[in-house]
Amino acid sequence: MSLQNRTKLFVKDKNIKNISIPVLFFFTFFLIFFNKTDYILINKIKSTGIDFINPISKIISFPVSFTIKTVDLINDIRLTKKENIKLKEEIIRLKQWQTLALKNSRENNAYKKLLNSTTNDLNIVKTAGVIHHSPTLYTRSIIINAGINHQVVKDSAVINERGLVGRTVLVSKHNSKVLLINDQNFSVSVKSFNRDFFAIMKGSSDGKYLISSFIKDNNFPLIGDILVTSGNVDIYPQNILVAKVINISDEKVIALPFVDTKNIDFVQIIKK
């Protein structure tokens, strides 16, 4: 190769180098700028997309979320309903047990009172429960669950823990009718517990009191005196509590029975 040609090639090479450096620098700067611009643009697109898509996604997903919440609510209501039914059944069972416990407690208390109120002088035939209270319009009586099969007979004295209740007037195999002490057709011979007073007491028309139908020797008691059975009639043994004198009017003795005839649960029948 000639010297001239070599010189031309060198010059050409040098010119290319001089041109390529600025080009490379510009291209590098362009790539850096484009990269930054692309990053900012993409972030801008992303943020704009989020702002735009988020409400749309909420609108689109609302039926689904609403349906899920509704199903959950329905399931909770069903579960709550089942639990309420179980709780109601449990309450009913507890009330039944409570009623039974109260009944047993009342019976035990009544039995204890009956045991404490009776003495060895009384021949107790049977302790019975009251199964029916008759209306007070015509007669004042009760039905007890003891009868001929329990050695109960007609005209037997009936007592409870508070005193004389009445006497049996009708006896069947398993049950008996007891005429209460406050009935107008009931009468009992009594005496004062602490003085010389003897009388026959009968039930009043309103069923609240006992009123004397006969007073021996016109010897009157004092208000507050305790009246007990005199034992003059074979039906009633002596010294069973009957009533307390609360008034003396028109030569009549008015006494209040010890027995609460409206609240009798258990009684004892005394053998004649």
Protein backbone atom coordinates (compact mmCIF):
# COMPACT_ATOMS: atom_id res chain seq x y z
CA MET A 1 0.00 0.00 0.00
CA SER A 2 1.28 3.37 -0.90
CA LEU A 3 2.02 6.04 1.60
CA GLN A 4 -0.69 8.21 0.26
CA ASN A 5 -3.33 5.57 0.70
CA ARG A 6 -2.22 4.88 4.23
CA THR A 7 -2.42 8.55 5.02
CA LYS A 8 -5.97 8.78 3.70
CA LEU A 9 -7.05 5.72 5.72
CA PHE A 10 -5.60 7.15 8.91
CA VAL A 11 -7.36 10.44 8.37
CA LYS A 12 -10.62 8.66 7.66
CA ASP A 13 -10.26 6.57 10.78
CA LYS A 14 -9.63 9.59 12.84
CA ASN A 15 -12.67 11.36 11.47
CA ILE A 16 -14.90 8.40 12.26
CA LYS A 17 -13.64 8.34 15.82
CA ASN A 18 -14.25 12.05 16.16
CA ILE A 19 -17.85 11.61 14.96
CA SER A 20 -18.65 8.39 16.87
CA ILE A 21 -17.79 9.72 20.35
CA PRO A 22 -20.42 12.49 20.34
CA VAL A 23 -22.90 10.10 18.82
CA LEU A 24 -22.26 7.52 21.50
CA PHE A 25 -22.50 10.18 24.18
CA PHE A 26 -25.81 11.44 22.78
CA PHE A 27 -27.15 7.92 22.44
CA THR A 28 -26.18 7.14 26.04
CA PHE A 29 -27.79 10.33 27.27
CA PHE A 30 -30.90 9.49 25.25
CA LEU A 31 -31.12 6.02 26.77
CA ILE A 32 -30.74 7.40 30.30
CA PHE A 33 -33.36 10.07 29.70
CA PHE A 34 -35.73 7.61 28.06
CA ASN A 35 -35.29 5.19 30.97
CA LYS A 36 -36.13 7.91 33.50
CA THR A 37 -39.00 9.16 31.41
CA ASP A 38 -40.31 5.62 30.99
CA TYR A 39 -40.14 5.05 34.78
CA ILE A 40 -42.04 8.26 35.51
CA LEU A 41 -44.55 7.52 32.78
CA ILE A 42 -45.18 4.00 34.00
CA ASN A 43 -45.63 5.17 37.59
CA LYS A 44 -48.00 7.85 36.37
CA ILE A 45 -49.94 5.25 34.42
CA LYS A 46 -50.00 2.96 37.45
CA SER A 47 -51.24 5.65 39.83
CA THR A 48 -53.82 6.83 37.32
CA GLY A 49 -54.88 3.24 36.77
CA ILE A 50 -55.24 2.66 40.49
CA ASP A 51 -57.39 5.77 40.88
CA PHE A 52 -59.48 4.75 37.94
CA ILE A 53 -59.69 0.99 38.47
CA ASN A 54 -60.24 1.04 42.25
CA PRO A 55 -63.80 2.50 42.12
CA ILE A 56 -64.65 0.21 39.21
CA SER A 57 -63.36 -2.83 41.11
CA LYS A 58 -65.43 -1.79 44.11
CA ILE A 59 -68.55 -1.51 41.97
CA ILE A 60 -67.86 -4.83 40.31
CA SER A 61 -67.01 -6.62 43.57
CA PHE A 62 -69.91 -5.09 45.56
CA PRO A 63 -72.52 -7.75 44.57
CA VAL A 64 -70.08 -10.51 45.44
CA SER A 65 -69.15 -9.03 48.82
CA PHE A 66 -72.79 -8.19 49.54
CA THR A 67 -73.82 -11.74 48.71
CA ILE A 68 -71.09 -13.17 50.95
CA LYS A 69 -72.07 -10.88 53.82
CA THR A 70 -75.76 -11.73 53.34
CA VAL A 71 -75.04 -15.47 53.37
CA ASP A 72 -72.91 -15.06 56.51
CA LEU A 73 -75.71 -13.05 58.15
CA ILE A 74 -78.30 -15.68 57.26
CA ASN A 75 -76.07 -18.41 58.65
CA ASP A 76 -75.55 -16.40 61.86
CA ILE A 77 -79.32 -15.90 62.18
CA ARG A 78 -79.94 -19.63 61.69
CA LEU A 79 -77.26 -20.48 64.23
CA THR A 80 -78.69 -17.95 66.69
CA LYS A 81 -82.19 -19.34 66.16
CA LYS A 82 -80.99 -22.88 66.85
CA GLU A 83 -79.17 -21.70 69.97
CA ASN A 84 -82.29 -19.85 71.13
CA ILE A 85 -84.38 -22.99 70.64
CA LYS A 86 -81.86 -25.00 72.66
CA LEU A 87 -81.80 -22.34 75.38
CA LYS A 88 -85.61 -22.28 75.54
CA GLU A 89 -85.71 -26.07 75.85
CA GLU A 90 -83.06 -25.88 78.57
CA ILE A 91 -85.06 -23.20 80.41
CA ILE A 92 -88.18 -25.38 80.23
CA ARG A 93 -86.26 -28.35 81.63
CA LEU A 94 -84.78 -26.21 84.40
CA LYS A 95 -88.23 -24.84 85.28
CA GLN A 96 -89.58 -28.39 85.46
CA TRP A 97 -86.75 -29.39 87.77
CA GLN A 98 -87.28 -26.23 89.81
CA THR A 99 -91.00 -26.94 90.12
CA LEU A 100 -90.27 -30.51 91.17
CA ALA A 101 -87.66 -29.34 93.69
CA LEU A 102 -90.04 -26.76 95.16
CA LYS A 103 -92.79 -29.37 95.34
CA ASN A 104 -90.51 -31.85 97.10
CA SER A 105 -89.28 -29.14 99.47
CA ARG A 106 -92.85 -28.14 100.29
CA GLU A 107 -93.83 -31.75 100.86
CA ASN A 108 -90.81 -32.35 103.10
CA ASN A 109 -91.60 -29.25 105.13
CA ALA A 110 -95.23 -30.31 105.46
CA TYR A 111 -94.23 -33.80 106.58
CA LYS A 112 -91.79 -32.38 109.14
CA LYS A 113 -94.48 -30.08 110.52
CA LEU A 114 -96.96 -32.95 110.70
CA LEU A 115 -94.43 -35.11 112.52
CA ASN A 116 -93.61 -32.34 114.97
CA SER A 117 -97.25 -31.45 115.59
CA THR A 118 -98.51 -34.92 116.46
CA THR A 119 -98.00 -36.76 119.75
CA ASN A 120 -98.03 -40.37 120.81
CA ASP A 121 -101.55 -39.87 122.18
CA LEU A 122 -103.00 -39.70 118.66
CA ASN A 123 -103.54 -42.83 116.63
CA ILE A 124 -102.60 -41.71 113.11
CA VAL A 125 -104.17 -43.93 110.46
CA LYS A 126 -102.79 -42.29 107.32
CA THR A 127 -100.98 -39.21 106.07
CA ALA A 128 -102.64 -38.11 102.84
CA GLY A 129 -102.32 -35.40 100.22
CA VAL A 130 -105.08 -33.06 99.11
CA ILE A 131 -106.02 -33.71 95.48
CA HIS A 132 -108.97 -31.35 95.13
CA HIS A 133 -110.45 -28.26 96.76
CA SER A 134 -114.21 -27.96 96.26
CA PRO A 135 -115.80 -24.63 95.28
CA THR A 136 -116.93 -22.61 98.30
CA LEU A 137 -120.34 -21.79 96.81
CA TYR A 138 -122.18 -24.79 98.27
CA THR A 139 -119.81 -26.58 100.60
CA ARG A 140 -116.30 -26.19 101.95
CA SER A 141 -114.51 -29.49 101.60
CA ILE A 142 -111.44 -31.20 100.20
CA ILE A 143 -110.72 -34.57 98.59
CA ILE A 144 -107.75 -36.55 99.90
CA ASN A 145 -105.99 -39.56 98.38
CA ALA A 146 -106.75 -42.03 101.16
CA GLY A 147 -109.81 -44.26 101.60
CA ILE A 148 -111.10 -47.63 102.73
CA ASN A 149 -108.00 -49.38 101.41
CA HIS A 150 -105.97 -47.24 103.83
CA GLN A 151 -108.24 -48.02 106.82
CA VAL A 152 -109.95 -44.63 106.61
CA VAL A 153 -113.58 -44.66 107.74
CA LYS A 154 -116.41 -42.14 107.79
CA ASP A 155 -116.49 -39.52 110.60
CA SER A 156 -112.75 -39.69 111.25
CA ALA A 157 -111.02 -36.57 112.54
CA VAL A 158 -108.62 -34.92 110.11
CA ILE A 159 -105.75 -32.67 111.26
CA ASN A 160 -102.62 -30.99 109.96
CA GLU A 161 -99.67 -29.24 111.58
CA ARG A 162 -101.85 -26.27 112.61
CA GLY A 163 -104.73 -28.13 114.19
CA LEU A 164 -108.17 -29.52 113.38
CA VAL A 165 -108.99 -29.53 109.66
CA GLY A 166 -112.36 -31.30 109.65
CA ARG A 167 -113.83 -34.79 109.45
CA THR A 168 -114.40 -37.38 106.75
CA VAL A 169 -117.98 -37.42 105.46
CA LEU A 170 -117.63 -39.70 102.42
CA VAL A 171 -115.13 -42.53 101.95
CA SER A 172 -114.38 -44.59 98.84
CA LYS A 173 -111.72 -47.22 98.23
CA HIS A 174 -108.95 -44.79 97.41
CA ASN A 175 -110.24 -41.29 98.25
CA SER A 176 -112.19 -39.48 100.93
CA LYS A 177 -114.18 -36.27 101.18
CA VAL A 178 -113.37 -34.09 104.18
CA LEU A 179 -115.82 -31.47 105.46
CA LEU A 180 -113.74 -28.49 106.54
CA ILE A 181 -113.95 -26.87 109.95
CA ASN A 182 -115.25 -23.56 108.52
CA ASP A 183 -118.28 -25.12 106.76
CA GLN A 184 -121.72 -24.20 108.16
CA ASN A 185 -122.59 -27.88 108.53
CA PHE A 186 -119.49 -28.60 110.61
CA SER A 187 -119.63 -28.53 114.41
CA VAL A 188 -117.12 -29.46 117.10
CA SER A 189 -117.18 -29.56 120.88
CA VAL A 190 -114.47 -27.32 122.33
CA LYS A 191 -113.12 -26.06 125.63
CA SER A 192 -110.87 -23.21 126.63
CA PHE A 193 -107.27 -24.20 127.07
CA ASN A 194 -106.84 -22.30 130.35
CA ARG A 195 -110.31 -21.73 131.87
CA ASP A 196 -113.69 -23.38 132.52
CA PHE A 197 -115.38 -22.82 129.17
CA PHE A 198 -117.20 -25.46 127.09
CA ALA A 199 -119.10 -24.84 123.87
CA ILE A 200 -120.05 -26.17 120.45
CA MET A 201 -118.57 -24.19 117.55
CA LYS A 202 -119.85 -24.15 113.97
CA GLY A 203 -118.57 -22.65 110.73
CA SER A 204 -119.84 -19.21 109.72
CA SER A 205 -121.74 -18.44 106.52
CA ASP A 206 -118.74 -16.64 104.99
CA GLY A 207 -116.34 -19.40 106.01
CA LYS A 208 -113.98 -17.06 107.87
CA TYR A 209 -114.85 -17.77 111.52
CA LEU A 210 -116.25 -20.27 113.99
CA ILE A 211 -119.36 -19.15 115.90
CA SER A 212 -120.70 -20.75 119.07
CA SER A 213 -124.06 -22.53 118.77
CA PHE A 214 -124.08 -23.66 122.41
CA ILE A 215 -122.24 -22.42 125.55
CA LYS A 216 -122.29 -24.51 128.70
CA ASP A 217 -123.57 -22.73 131.84
CA ASN A 218 -123.14 -19.36 130.07
CA ASN A 219 -119.50 -19.29 131.10
CA PHE A 220 -117.83 -17.10 128.47
CA PRO A 221 -114.14 -17.10 127.65
CA LEU A 222 -111.90 -14.08 127.25
CA ILE A 223 -110.73 -12.62 123.96
CA GLY A 224 -107.46 -14.29 123.09
CA ASP A 225 -108.34 -17.63 124.70
CA ILE A 226 -107.21 -20.76 122.86
CA LEU A 227 -109.94 -23.29 122.03
CA VAL A 228 -109.14 -27.00 121.76
CA THR A 229 -111.24 -30.12 121.26
CA SER A 230 -112.94 -31.20 124.49
CA GLY A 231 -113.07 -34.91 123.65
CA ASN A 232 -116.75 -35.14 124.57
CA VAL A 233 -117.52 -36.60 121.13
CA ASP A 234 -115.86 -39.82 120.05
CA ILE A 235 -114.86 -38.34 116.69
CA TYR A 236 -112.32 -35.84 118.02
CA PRO A 237 -109.61 -36.66 120.58
CA GLN A 238 -108.87 -34.15 123.32
CA ASN A 239 -106.66 -31.09 123.09
CA ILE A 240 -106.42 -30.66 119.32
CA LEU A 241 -106.03 -26.97 118.44
CA VAL A 242 -109.22 -25.50 116.98
CA ALA A 243 -109.39 -21.70 117.10
CA LYS A 244 -108.61 -18.48 118.97
CA VAL A 245 -111.36 -16.28 120.47
CA ILE A 246 -111.35 -12.88 118.74
CA ASN A 247 -114.75 -11.44 119.75
CA ILE A 248 -117.76 -11.96 122.03
CA SER A 249 -120.96 -10.37 120.76
CA ASP A 250 -124.69 -10.95 121.43
CA GLU A 251 -123.84 -13.90 123.66
CA LYS A 252 -121.97 -15.46 120.76
CA VAL A 253 -118.32 -16.42 120.82
CA ILE A 254 -116.50 -15.72 117.57
CA ALA A 255 -113.20 -17.49 117.00
CA LEU A 256 -110.65 -17.60 114.18
CA PRO A 257 -109.59 -21.13 113.09
CA PHE A 258 -105.89 -21.93 113.31
CA VAL A 259 -106.03 -23.90 110.05
CA ASP A 260 -105.79 -21.93 106.81
CA THR A 261 -108.43 -23.88 104.89
CA LYS A 262 -107.43 -22.31 101.57
CA ASN A 263 -103.89 -23.64 101.79
CA ILE A 264 -103.96 -27.28 102.82
CA ASP A 265 -101.56 -29.66 101.09
CA PHE A 266 -101.29 -32.61 103.48
CA VAL A 267 -103.43 -33.95 106.32
CA GLN A 268 -103.47 -36.81 108.78
CA ILE A 269 -106.48 -38.99 109.54
CA ILE A 270 -106.95 -39.96 113.17
CA LYS A 271 -108.52 -43.26 114.18
CA LYS A 272 -111.62 -42.96 116.35
